Amino acid sequence: MRLIALFNLKPGVSVADYEKWAREVDLPTVNGLGSVSAFEVFRATGVLGSDAPSPYAYVEIIDVADMDQFGADVAGEAMQKIAAQFQGMADVTFLTTEKL
C-alpha cells in the first residue's frame, strides 16, 4: 500500500527547521522500518499548467510492504516520538491508496 501525506507547516514552524528534522530524523527513521519499502518527502513547487501556488507545501510518499507490521512499527516508542514531533510541526492529511 502507498500512503500519501499532504501537509503545510503550522504557523511559527520554519522551513529550515522542518527540513533539517525531515532529513536528519524522519527520513532515516521511517526508511529504517522493516515494514516500509520506501519513504520520500517532496517540497511542492506549484500547480502544473498555472502560476498558482500549491495548496500544500509538502508531500510524503510511504510505500508500505506490510500494513500489519507497519501498525506495530508505528505503535513503537521511537515512532510515537517522531509522530508527535511531526504533528507539532505540520497540519497533515494522510491518504491510503491502492493501485488500479
PDB file of N, CA and C in Angstrom:
ATOM      1  N   MET A   1       0.838  -1.169   0.000  1.00  0.00           N
ATOM      2  CA  MET A   1       0.000   0.000   0.000  1.00  0.00           C
ATOM      3  C   MET A   1       0.883   1.233   0.000  1.00  0.00           C
ATOM      4  N   ARG A   2       0.422   2.240  -0.655  1.00  0.00           N
ATOM      5  CA  ARG A   2       1.129   3.521  -0.667  1.00  0.00           C
ATOM      6  C   ARG A   2       0.308   4.515   0.148  1.00  0.00           C
ATOM      7  N   LEU A   3       0.964   5.135   1.130  1.00  0.00           N
ATOM      8  CA  LEU A   3       0.364   6.205   1.906  1.00  0.00           C
ATOM      9  C   LEU A   3       0.895   7.522   1.372  1.00  0.00           C
ATOM     10  N   ILE A   4       0.014   8.488   1.226  1.00  0.00           N
ATOM     11  CA  ILE A   4       0.405   9.806   0.760  1.00  0.00           C
ATOM     12  C   ILE A   4      -0.022  10.821   1.804  1.00  0.00           C
ATOM     13  N   ALA A   5       0.916  11.634   2.237  1.00  0.00           N
ATOM     14  CA  ALA A   5       0.631  12.687   3.215  1.00  0.00           C
ATOM     15  C   ALA A   5       0.774  14.030   2.524  1.00  0.00           C
ATOM     16  N   LEU A   6      -0.242  14.847   2.646  1.00  0.00           N
ATOM     17  CA  LEU A   6      -0.244  16.206   2.110  1.00  0.00           C
ATOM     18  C   LEU A   6      -0.269  17.142   3.300  1.00  0.00           C
ATOM     19  N   PHE A   7       0.663  18.105   3.329  1.00  0.00           N
ATOM     20  CA  PHE A   7       0.683  18.945   4.519  1.00  0.00           C
ATOM     21  C   PHE A   7       1.328  20.299   4.316  1.00  0.00           C
ATOM     22  N   ASN A   8       0.982  21.172   5.246  1.00  0.00           N
ATOM     23  CA  ASN A   8       1.575  22.501   5.384  1.00  0.00           C
ATOM     24  C   ASN A   8       2.153  22.597   6.778  1.00  0.00           C
ATOM     25  N   LEU A   9       3.159  23.416   6.914  1.00  0.00           N
ATOM     26  CA  LEU A   9       3.742  23.640   8.233  1.00  0.00           C
ATOM     27  C   LEU A   9       2.806  24.518   9.064  1.00  0.00           C
ATOM     28  N   LYS A  10       2.798  24.276  10.342  1.00  0.00           N
ATOM     29  CA  LYS A  10       1.999  25.087  11.252  1.00  0.00           C
ATOM     30  C   LYS A  10       2.623  26.474  11.385  1.00  0.00           C
ATOM     31  N   PRO A  11       1.806  27.466  11.714  1.00  0.00           N
ATOM     32  CA  PRO A  11       2.355  28.812  11.920  1.00  0.00           C
ATOM     33  C   PRO A  11       3.480  28.783  12.957  1.00  0.00           C
ATOM     34  N   GLY A  12       4.550  29.496  12.647  1.00  0.00           N
ATOM     35  CA  GLY A  12       5.679  29.572  13.558  1.00  0.00           C
ATOM     36  C   GLY A  12       6.744  28.519  13.340  1.00  0.00           C
ATOM     37  N   VAL A  13       6.471  27.507  12.505  1.00  0.00           N
ATOM     38  CA  VAL A  13       7.463  26.471  12.209  1.00  0.00           C
ATOM     39  C   VAL A  13       8.244  26.916  10.982  1.00  0.00           C
ATOM     40  N   SER A  14       9.550  27.000  11.113  1.00  0.00           N
ATOM     41  CA  SER A  14      10.356  27.455   9.987  1.00  0.00           C
ATOM     42  C   SER A  14      10.630  26.318   9.009  1.00  0.00           C
ATOM     43  N   VAL A  15      10.711  26.686   7.752  1.00  0.00           N
ATOM     44  CA  VAL A  15      11.040  25.723   6.699  1.00  0.00           C
ATOM     45  C   VAL A  15      12.385  25.069   7.000  1.00  0.00           C
ATOM     46  N   ALA A  16      13.365  25.873   7.390  1.00  0.00           N
ATOM     47  CA  ALA A  16      14.706  25.338   7.661  1.00  0.00           C
ATOM     48  C   ALA A  16      14.672  24.309   8.787  1.00  0.00           C
ATOM     49  N   ASP A  17      13.948  24.606   9.862  1.00  0.00           N
ATOM     50  CA  ASP A  17      13.867  23.670  10.984  1.00  0.00           C
ATOM     51  C   ASP A  17      13.171  22.382  10.581  1.00  0.00           C
ATOM     52  N   TYR A  18      12.036  22.495   9.853  1.00  0.00           N
ATOM     53  CA  TYR A  18      11.325  21.288   9.434  1.00  0.00           C
ATOM     54  C   TYR A  18      12.202  20.447   8.499  1.00  0.00           C
ATOM     55  N   GLU A  19      12.793  21.078   7.493  1.00  0.00           N
ATOM     56  CA  GLU A  19      13.553  20.315   6.510  1.00  0.00           C
ATOM     57  C   GLU A  19      14.793  19.668   7.121  1.00  0.00           C
ATOM     58  N   LYS A  20      15.420  20.314   8.078  1.00  0.00           N
ATOM     59  CA  LYS A  20      16.552  19.708   8.796  1.00  0.00           C
ATOM     60  C   LYS A  20      16.073  18.473   9.555  1.00  0.00           C
ATOM     61  N   TRP A  21      14.955  18.600  10.260  1.00  0.00           N
ATOM     62  CA  TRP A  21      14.383  17.479  11.010  1.00  0.00           C
ATOM     63  C   TRP A  21      14.002  16.344  10.051  1.00  0.00           C
ATOM     64  N   ALA A  22      13.386  16.686   8.927  1.00  0.00           N
ATOM     65  CA  ALA A  22      12.977  15.656   7.964  1.00  0.00           C
ATOM     66  C   ALA A  22      14.184  14.873   7.456  1.00  0.00           C
ATOM     67  N   ARG A  23      15.259  15.590   7.109  1.00  0.00           N
ATOM     68  CA  ARG A  23      16.460  14.922   6.572  1.00  0.00           C
ATOM     69  C   ARG A  23      17.195  14.099   7.628  1.00  0.00           C
ATOM     70  N   GLU A  24      17.292  14.646   8.838  1.00  0.00           N
ATOM     71  CA  GLU A  24      18.126  14.014   9.867  1.00  0.00           C
ATOM     72  C   GLU A  24      17.394  13.012  10.743  1.00  0.00           C
ATOM     73  N   VAL A  25      16.074  13.151  10.874  1.00  0.00           N
ATOM     74  CA  VAL A  25      15.325  12.303  11.796  1.00  0.00           C
ATOM     75  C   VAL A  25      14.272  11.466  11.069  1.00  0.00           C
ATOM     76  N   ASP A  26      13.346  12.143  10.417  1.00  0.00           N
ATOM     77  CA  ASP A  26      12.182  11.467   9.838  1.00  0.00           C
ATOM     78  C   ASP A  26      12.561  10.490   8.730  1.00  0.00           C
ATOM     79  N   LEU A  27      13.264  10.968   7.719  1.00  0.00           N
ATOM     80  CA  LEU A  27      13.599  10.099   6.589  1.00  0.00           C
ATOM     81  C   LEU A  27      14.413   8.871   6.993  1.00  0.00           C
ATOM     82  N   PRO A  28      15.493   9.025   7.751  1.00  0.00           N
ATOM     83  CA  PRO A  28      16.254   7.811   8.092  1.00  0.00           C
ATOM     84  C   PRO A  28      15.488   6.857   9.005  1.00  0.00           C
ATOM     85  N   THR A  29      14.683   7.396   9.904  1.00  0.00           N
ATOM     86  CA  THR A  29      13.947   6.523  10.826  1.00  0.00           C
ATOM     87  C   THR A  29      12.877   5.735  10.102  1.00  0.00           C
ATOM     88  N   VAL A  30      12.046   6.417   9.322  1.00  0.00           N
ATOM     89  CA  VAL A  30      10.956   5.724   8.629  1.00  0.00           C
ATOM     90  C   VAL A  30      11.510   4.773   7.576  1.00  0.00           C
ATOM     91  N   ASN A  31      12.550   5.184   6.864  1.00  0.00           N
ATOM     92  CA  ASN A  31      13.157   4.276   5.883  1.00  0.00           C
ATOM     93  C   ASN A  31      13.805   3.068   6.541  1.00  0.00           C
ATOM     94  N   GLY A  32      14.095   3.157   7.822  1.00  0.00           N
ATOM     95  CA  GLY A  32      14.683   2.043   8.552  1.00  0.00           C
ATOM     96  C   GLY A  32      13.676   1.033   9.070  1.00  0.00           C
ATOM     97  N   LEU A  33      12.398   1.335   8.955  1.00  0.00           N
ATOM     98  CA  LEU A  33      11.373   0.402   9.423  1.00  0.00           C
ATOM     99  C   LEU A  33      11.293  -0.796   8.481  1.00  0.00           C
ATOM    100  N   GLY A  34      11.203  -1.983   9.042  1.00  0.00           N
ATOM    101  CA  GLY A  34      11.104  -3.187   8.232  1.00  0.00           C
ATOM    102  C   GLY A  34       9.848  -3.249   7.390  1.00  0.00           C
ATOM    103  N   SER A  35       8.797  -2.562   7.814  1.00  0.00           N
ATOM    104  CA  SER A  35       7.520  -2.584   7.103  1.00  0.00           C
ATOM    105  C   SER A  35       7.464  -1.606   5.933  1.00  0.00           C
ATOM    106  N   VAL A  36       8.460  -0.741   5.812  1.00  0.00           N
ATOM    107  CA  VAL A  36       8.456   0.304   4.791  1.00  0.00           C
ATOM    108  C   VAL A  36       9.495  -0.025   3.721  1.00  0.00           C
ATOM    109  N   SER A  37       9.040  -0.074   2.469  1.00  0.00           N
ATOM    110  CA  SER A  37       9.978  -0.347   1.377  1.00  0.00           C
ATOM    111  C   SER A  37      10.580   0.939   0.813  1.00  0.00           C
ATOM    112  N   ALA A  38       9.894   2.079   0.990  1.00  0.00           N
ATOM    113  CA  ALA A  38      10.438   3.366   0.551  1.00  0.00           C
ATOM    114  C   ALA A  38       9.671   4.497   1.213  1.00  0.00           C
ATOM    115  N   PHE A  39      10.374   5.580   1.511  1.00  0.00           N
ATOM    116  CA  PHE A  39       9.767   6.776   2.095  1.00  0.00           C
ATOM    117  C   PHE A  39      10.495   7.981   1.538  1.00  0.00           C
ATOM    118  N   GLU A  40       9.728   8.884   0.926  1.00  0.00           N
ATOM    119  CA  GLU A  40      10.299  10.097   0.350  1.00  0.00           C
ATOM    120  C   GLU A  40       9.461  11.299   0.760  1.00  0.00           C
ATOM    121  N   VAL A  41      10.125  12.447   0.871  1.00  0.00           N
ATOM    122  CA  VAL A  41       9.450  13.711   1.166  1.00  0.00           C
ATOM    123  C   VAL A  41       9.768  14.671   0.025  1.00  0.00           C
ATOM    124  N   PHE A  42       8.737  15.355  -0.450  1.00  0.00           N
ATOM    125  CA  PHE A  42       8.887  16.297  -1.552  1.00  0.00           C
ATOM    126  C   PHE A  42       8.374  17.673  -1.140  1.00  0.00           C
ATOM    127  N   ARG A  43       9.063  18.707  -1.578  1.00  0.00           N
ATOM    128  CA  ARG A  43       8.587  20.077  -1.421  1.00  0.00           C
ATOM    129  C   ARG A  43       7.767  20.394  -2.666  1.00  0.00           C
ATOM    130  N   ALA A  44       6.517  20.805  -2.501  1.00  0.00           N
ATOM    131  CA  ALA A  44       5.672  21.162  -3.638  1.00  0.00           C
ATOM    132  C   ALA A  44       6.151  22.498  -4.202  1.00  0.00           C
ATOM    133  N   THR A  45       6.143  22.606  -5.532  1.00  0.00           N
ATOM    134  CA  THR A  45       6.652  23.811  -6.172  1.00  0.00           C
ATOM    135  C   THR A  45       5.595  24.588  -6.943  1.00  0.00           C
ATOM    136  N   GLY A  46       4.414  24.030  -7.107  1.00  0.00           N
ATOM    137  CA  GLY A  46       3.367  24.749  -7.824  1.00  0.00           C
ATOM    138  C   GLY A  46       2.309  23.816  -8.345  1.00  0.00           C
ATOM    139  N   VAL A  47       1.421  24.388  -9.164  1.00  0.00           N
ATOM    140  CA  VAL A  47       0.339  23.638  -9.795  1.00  0.00           C
ATOM    141  C   VAL A  47       0.639  23.571 -11.287  1.00  0.00           C
ATOM    142  N   LEU A  48       0.701  22.369 -11.809  1.00  0.00           N
ATOM    143  CA  LEU A  48       1.045  22.158 -13.213  1.00  0.00           C
ATOM    144  C   LEU A  48       0.130  22.975 -14.125  1.00  0.00           C
ATOM    145  N   GLY A  49       0.741  23.683 -15.067  1.00  0.00           N
ATOM    146  CA  GLY A  49      -0.008  24.421 -16.063  1.00  0.00           C
ATOM    147  C   GLY A  49      -0.521  25.775 -15.612  1.00  0.00           C
ATOM    148  N   SER A  50      -0.070  26.235 -14.444  1.00  0.00           N
ATOM    149  CA  SER A  50      -0.522  27.539 -13.973  1.00  0.00           C
ATOM    150  C   SER A  50       0.554  28.178 -13.116  1.00  0.00           C
ATOM    151  N   ASP A  51       0.318  29.418 -12.762  1.00  0.00           N
ATOM    152  CA  ASP A  51       1.216  30.125 -11.850  1.00  0.00           C
ATOM    153  C   ASP A  51       0.731  30.022 -10.407  1.00  0.00           C
ATOM    154  N   ALA A  52      -0.327  29.258 -10.191  1.00  0.00           N
ATOM    155  CA  ALA A  52      -0.912  29.140  -8.852  1.00  0.00           C
ATOM    156  C   ALA A  52       0.030  28.394  -7.918  1.00  0.00           C
ATOM    157  N   PRO A  53       0.066  28.814  -6.666  1.00  0.00           N
ATOM    158  CA  PRO A  53       0.859  28.056  -5.695  1.00  0.00           C
ATOM    159  C   PRO A  53       0.159  26.747  -5.342  1.00  0.00           C
ATOM    160  N   SER A  54       0.930  25.787  -4.923  1.00  0.00           N
ATOM    161  CA  SER A  54       0.366  24.519  -4.480  1.00  0.00           C
ATOM    162  C   SER A  54      -0.447  24.740  -3.209  1.00  0.00           C
ATOM    163  N   PRO A  55      -1.572  24.043  -3.072  1.00  0.00           N
ATOM    164  CA  PRO A  55      -2.328  24.156  -1.821  1.00  0.00           C
ATOM    165  C   PRO A  55      -1.610  23.485  -0.644  1.00  0.00           C
ATOM    166  N   TYR A  56      -0.614  22.673  -0.939  1.00  0.00           N
ATOM    167  CA  TYR A  56       0.180  22.003   0.085  1.00  0.00           C
ATOM    168  C   TYR A  56       1.650  22.327  -0.132  1.00  0.00           C
ATOM    169  N   ALA A  57       2.379  22.515   0.956  1.00  0.00           N
ATOM    170  CA  ALA A  57       3.803  22.821   0.870  1.00  0.00           C
ATOM    171  C   ALA A  57       4.651  21.559   0.668  1.00  0.00           C
ATOM    172  N   TYR A  58       4.172  20.428   1.208  1.00  0.00           N
ATOM    173  CA  TYR A  58       4.952  19.191   1.180  1.00  0.00           C
ATOM    174  C   TYR A  58       4.071  17.986   0.889  1.00  0.00           C
ATOM    175  N   VAL A  59       4.713  16.962   0.328  1.00  0.00           N
ATOM    176  CA  VAL A  59       4.074  15.679   0.056  1.00  0.00           C
ATOM    177  C   VAL A  59       5.027  14.588   0.537  1.00  0.00           C
ATOM    178  N   GLU A  60       4.498  13.641   1.283  1.00  0.00           N
ATOM    179  CA  GLU A  60       5.259  12.447   1.671  1.00  0.00           C
ATOM    180  C   GLU A  60       4.638  11.248   0.977  1.00  0.00           C
ATOM    181  N   ILE A  61       5.485  10.348   0.504  1.00  0.00           N
ATOM    182  CA  ILE A  61       5.019   9.090  -0.072  1.00  0.00           C
ATOM    183  C   ILE A  61       5.695   7.966   0.693  1.00  0.00           C
ATOM    184  N   ILE A  62       4.857   7.131   1.294  1.00  0.00           N
ATOM    185  CA  ILE A  62       5.351   5.999   2.083  1.00  0.00           C
ATOM    186  C   ILE A  62       4.860   4.717   1.424  1.00  0.00           C
ATOM    187  N   ASP A  63       5.785   3.899   0.931  1.00  0.00           N
ATOM    188  CA  ASP A  63       5.434   2.601   0.368  1.00  0.00           C
ATOM    189  C   ASP A  63       5.536   1.565   1.480  1.00  0.00           C
ATOM    190  N   VAL A  64       4.383   1.035   1.862  1.00  0.00           N
ATOM    191  CA  VAL A  64       4.307   0.092   2.974  1.00  0.00           C
ATOM    192  C   VAL A  64       4.251  -1.324   2.415  1.00  0.00           C
ATOM    193  N   ALA A  65       5.199  -2.141   2.805  1.00  0.00           N
ATOM    194  CA  ALA A  65       5.262  -3.521   2.334  1.00  0.00           C
ATOM    195  C   ALA A  65       4.324  -4.430   3.130  1.00  0.00           C
ATOM    196  N   ASP A  66       4.109  -4.108   4.402  1.00  0.00           N
ATOM    197  CA  ASP A  66       3.301  -4.951   5.289  1.00  0.00           C
ATOM    198  C   ASP A  66       2.533  -4.045   6.251  1.00  0.00           C
ATOM    199  N   MET A  67       1.226  -3.879   6.004  1.00  0.00           N
ATOM    200  CA  MET A  67       0.427  -2.956   6.820  1.00  0.00           C
ATOM    201  C   MET A  67       0.317  -3.409   8.277  1.00  0.00           C
ATOM    202  N   ASP A  68       0.206  -4.695   8.527  1.00  0.00           N
ATOM    203  CA  ASP A  68       0.132  -5.165   9.911  1.00  0.00           C
ATOM    204  C   ASP A  68       1.410  -4.824  10.659  1.00  0.00           C
ATOM    205  N   GLN A  69       2.545  -5.082  10.035  1.00  0.00           N
ATOM    206  CA  GLN A  69       3.826  -4.750  10.660  1.00  0.00           C
ATOM    207  C   GLN A  69       3.994  -3.239  10.793  1.00  0.00           C
ATOM    208  N   PHE A  70       3.514  -2.484   9.795  1.00  0.00           N
ATOM    209  CA  PHE A  70       3.594  -1.026   9.856  1.00  0.00           C
ATOM    210  C   PHE A  70       2.841  -0.506  11.082  1.00  0.00           C
ATOM    211  N   GLY A  71       1.661  -1.064  11.324  1.00  0.00           N
ATOM    212  CA  GLY A  71       0.900  -0.680  12.518  1.00  0.00           C
ATOM    213  C   GLY A  71       1.686  -0.944  13.785  1.00  0.00           C
ATOM    214  N   ALA A  72       2.352  -2.075  13.844  1.00  0.00           N
ATOM    215  CA  ALA A  72       3.178  -2.398  15.016  1.00  0.00           C
ATOM    216  C   ALA A  72       4.381  -1.467  15.098  1.00  0.00           C
ATOM    217  N   ASP A  73       5.006  -1.185  13.961  1.00  0.00           N
ATOM    218  CA  ASP A  73       6.164  -0.289  13.943  1.00  0.00           C
ATOM    219  C   ASP A  73       5.781   1.111  14.424  1.00  0.00           C
ATOM    220  N   VAL A  74       4.666   1.610  13.937  1.00  0.00           N
ATOM    221  CA  VAL A  74       4.218   2.963  14.282  1.00  0.00           C
ATOM    222  C   VAL A  74       3.823   3.055  15.751  1.00  0.00           C
ATOM    223  N   ALA A  75       3.392   1.953  16.319  1.00  0.00           N
ATOM    224  CA  ALA A  75       2.996   1.943  17.733  1.00  0.00           C
ATOM    225  C   ALA A  75       4.197   1.942  18.677  1.00  0.00           C
ATOM    226  N   GLY A  76       5.389   1.700  18.155  1.00  0.00           N
ATOM    227  CA  GLY A  76       6.589   1.654  18.983  1.00  0.00           C
ATOM    228  C   GLY A  76       6.981   3.024  19.512  1.00  0.00           C
ATOM    229  N   GLU A  77       7.763   3.020  20.563  1.00  0.00           N
ATOM    230  CA  GLU A  77       8.143   4.256  21.254  1.00  0.00           C
ATOM    231  C   GLU A  77       8.864   5.248  20.345  1.00  0.00           C
ATOM    232  N   ALA A  78       9.802   4.775  19.531  1.00  0.00           N
ATOM    233  CA  ALA A  78      10.570   5.670  18.662  1.00  0.00           C
ATOM    234  C   ALA A  78       9.659   6.358  17.648  1.00  0.00           C
ATOM    235  N   MET A  79       8.768   5.594  17.028  1.00  0.00           N
ATOM    236  CA  MET A  79       7.880   6.187  16.026  1.00  0.00           C
ATOM    237  C   MET A  79       6.820   7.075  16.680  1.00  0.00           C
ATOM    238  N   GLN A  80       6.404   6.753  17.880  1.00  0.00           N
ATOM    239  CA  GLN A  80       5.451   7.622  18.580  1.00  0.00           C
ATOM    240  C   GLN A  80       6.077   8.993  18.843  1.00  0.00           C
ATOM    241  N   LYS A  81       7.355   9.001  19.184  1.00  0.00           N
ATOM    242  CA  LYS A  81       8.067  10.251  19.421  1.00  0.00           C
ATOM    243  C   LYS A  81       8.156  11.062  18.124  1.00  0.00           C
ATOM    244  N   ILE A  82       8.504  10.400  17.036  1.00  0.00           N
ATOM    245  CA  ILE A  82       8.615  11.081  15.747  1.00  0.00           C
ATOM    246  C   ILE A  82       7.253  11.574  15.277  1.00  0.00           C
ATOM    247  N   ALA A  83       6.225  10.760  15.450  1.00  0.00           N
ATOM    248  CA  ALA A  83       4.875  11.181  15.057  1.00  0.00           C
ATOM    249  C   ALA A  83       4.443  12.414  15.833  1.00  0.00           C
ATOM    250  N   ALA A  84       4.746  12.464  17.108  1.00  0.00           N
ATOM    251  CA  ALA A  84       4.399  13.632  17.926  1.00  0.00           C
ATOM    252  C   ALA A  84       5.155  14.872  17.455  1.00  0.00           C
ATOM    253  N   GLN A  85       6.422  14.705  17.130  1.00  0.00           N
ATOM    254  CA  GLN A  85       7.203  15.835  16.619  1.00  0.00           C
ATOM    255  C   GLN A  85       6.607  16.337  15.302  1.00  0.00           C
ATOM    256  N   PHE A  86       6.269  15.413  14.418  1.00  0.00           N
ATOM    257  CA  PHE A  86       5.691  15.770  13.128  1.00  0.00           C
ATOM    258  C   PHE A  86       4.359  16.493  13.311  1.00  0.00           C
ATOM    259  N   GLN A  87       3.495  15.948  14.162  1.00  0.00           N
ATOM    260  CA  GLN A  87       2.185  16.573  14.403  1.00  0.00           C
ATOM    261  C   GLN A  87       2.338  17.974  14.988  1.00  0.00           C
ATOM    262  N   GLY A  88       3.418  18.207  15.720  1.00  0.00           N
ATOM    263  CA  GLY A  88       3.672  19.531  16.271  1.00  0.00           C
ATOM    264  C   GLY A  88       4.121  20.534  15.220  1.00  0.00           C
ATOM    265  N   MET A  89       4.603  20.047  14.090  1.00  0.00           N
ATOM    266  CA  MET A  89       5.109  20.922  13.037  1.00  0.00           C
ATOM    267  C   MET A  89       4.158  21.089  11.866  1.00  0.00           C
ATOM    268  N   ALA A  90       3.273  20.121  11.635  1.00  0.00           N
ATOM    269  CA  ALA A  90       2.516  20.100  10.385  1.00  0.00           C
ATOM    270  C   ALA A  90       1.031  19.844  10.598  1.00  0.00           C
ATOM    271  N   ASP A  91       0.241  20.457   9.727  1.00  0.00           N
ATOM    272  CA  ASP A  91      -1.176  20.121   9.590  1.00  0.00           C
ATOM    273  C   ASP A  91      -1.257  19.171   8.403  1.00  0.00           C
ATOM    274  N   VAL A  92      -1.581  17.900   8.677  1.00  0.00           N
ATOM    275  CA  VAL A  92      -1.398  16.858   7.672  1.00  0.00           C
ATOM    276  C   VAL A  92      -2.679  16.070   7.426  1.00  0.00           C
ATOM    277  N   THR A  93      -2.831  15.632   6.172  1.00  0.00           N
ATOM    278  CA  THR A  93      -3.867  14.685   5.783  1.00  0.00           C
ATOM    279  C   THR A  93      -3.167  13.475   5.192  1.00  0.00           C
ATOM    280  N   PHE A  94      -3.447  12.289   5.743  1.00  0.00           N
ATOM    281  CA  PHE A  94      -2.877  11.043   5.225  1.00  0.00           C
ATOM    282  C   PHE A  94      -3.919  10.354   4.353  1.00  0.00           C
ATOM    283  N   LEU A  95      -3.516   9.981   3.151  1.00  0.00           N
ATOM    284  CA  LEU A  95      -4.385   9.252   2.231  1.00  0.00           C
ATOM    285  C   LEU A  95      -3.874   7.827   2.079  1.00  0.00           C
ATOM    286  N   THR A  96      -4.767   6.858   2.129  1.00  0.00           N
ATOM    287  CA  THR A  96      -4.408   5.486   1.795  1.00  0.00           C
ATOM    288  C   THR A  96      -4.764   5.269   0.337  1.00  0.00           C
ATOM    289  N   THR A  97      -3.987   4.441  -0.356  1.00  0.00           N
ATOM    290  CA  THR A  97      -4.227   4.232  -1.785  1.00  0.00           C
ATOM    291  C   THR A  97      -4.110   2.763  -2.122  1.00  0.00           C
ATOM    292  N   GLU A  98      -4.626   2.444  -3.284  1.00  0.00           N
ATOM    293  CA  GLU A  98      -4.395   1.116  -3.862  1.00  0.00           C
ATOM    294  C   GLU A  98      -4.223   1.285  -5.364  1.00  0.00           C
ATOM    295  N   LYS A  99      -3.356   0.493  -5.924  1.00  0.00           N
ATOM    296  CA  LYS A  99      -3.034   0.575  -7.349  1.00  0.00           C
ATOM    297  C   LYS A  99      -4.197  -0.019  -8.156  1.00  0.00           C
ATOM    298  N   LEU A 100      -4.521   0.627  -9.256  1.00  0.00           N
ATOM    299  CA  LEU A 100      -5.568   0.113 -10.156  1.00  0.00           C
ATOM    300  C   LEU A 100      -5.043  -1.019 -10.999  1.00  0.00           C
TER     301      LEU A 100
END
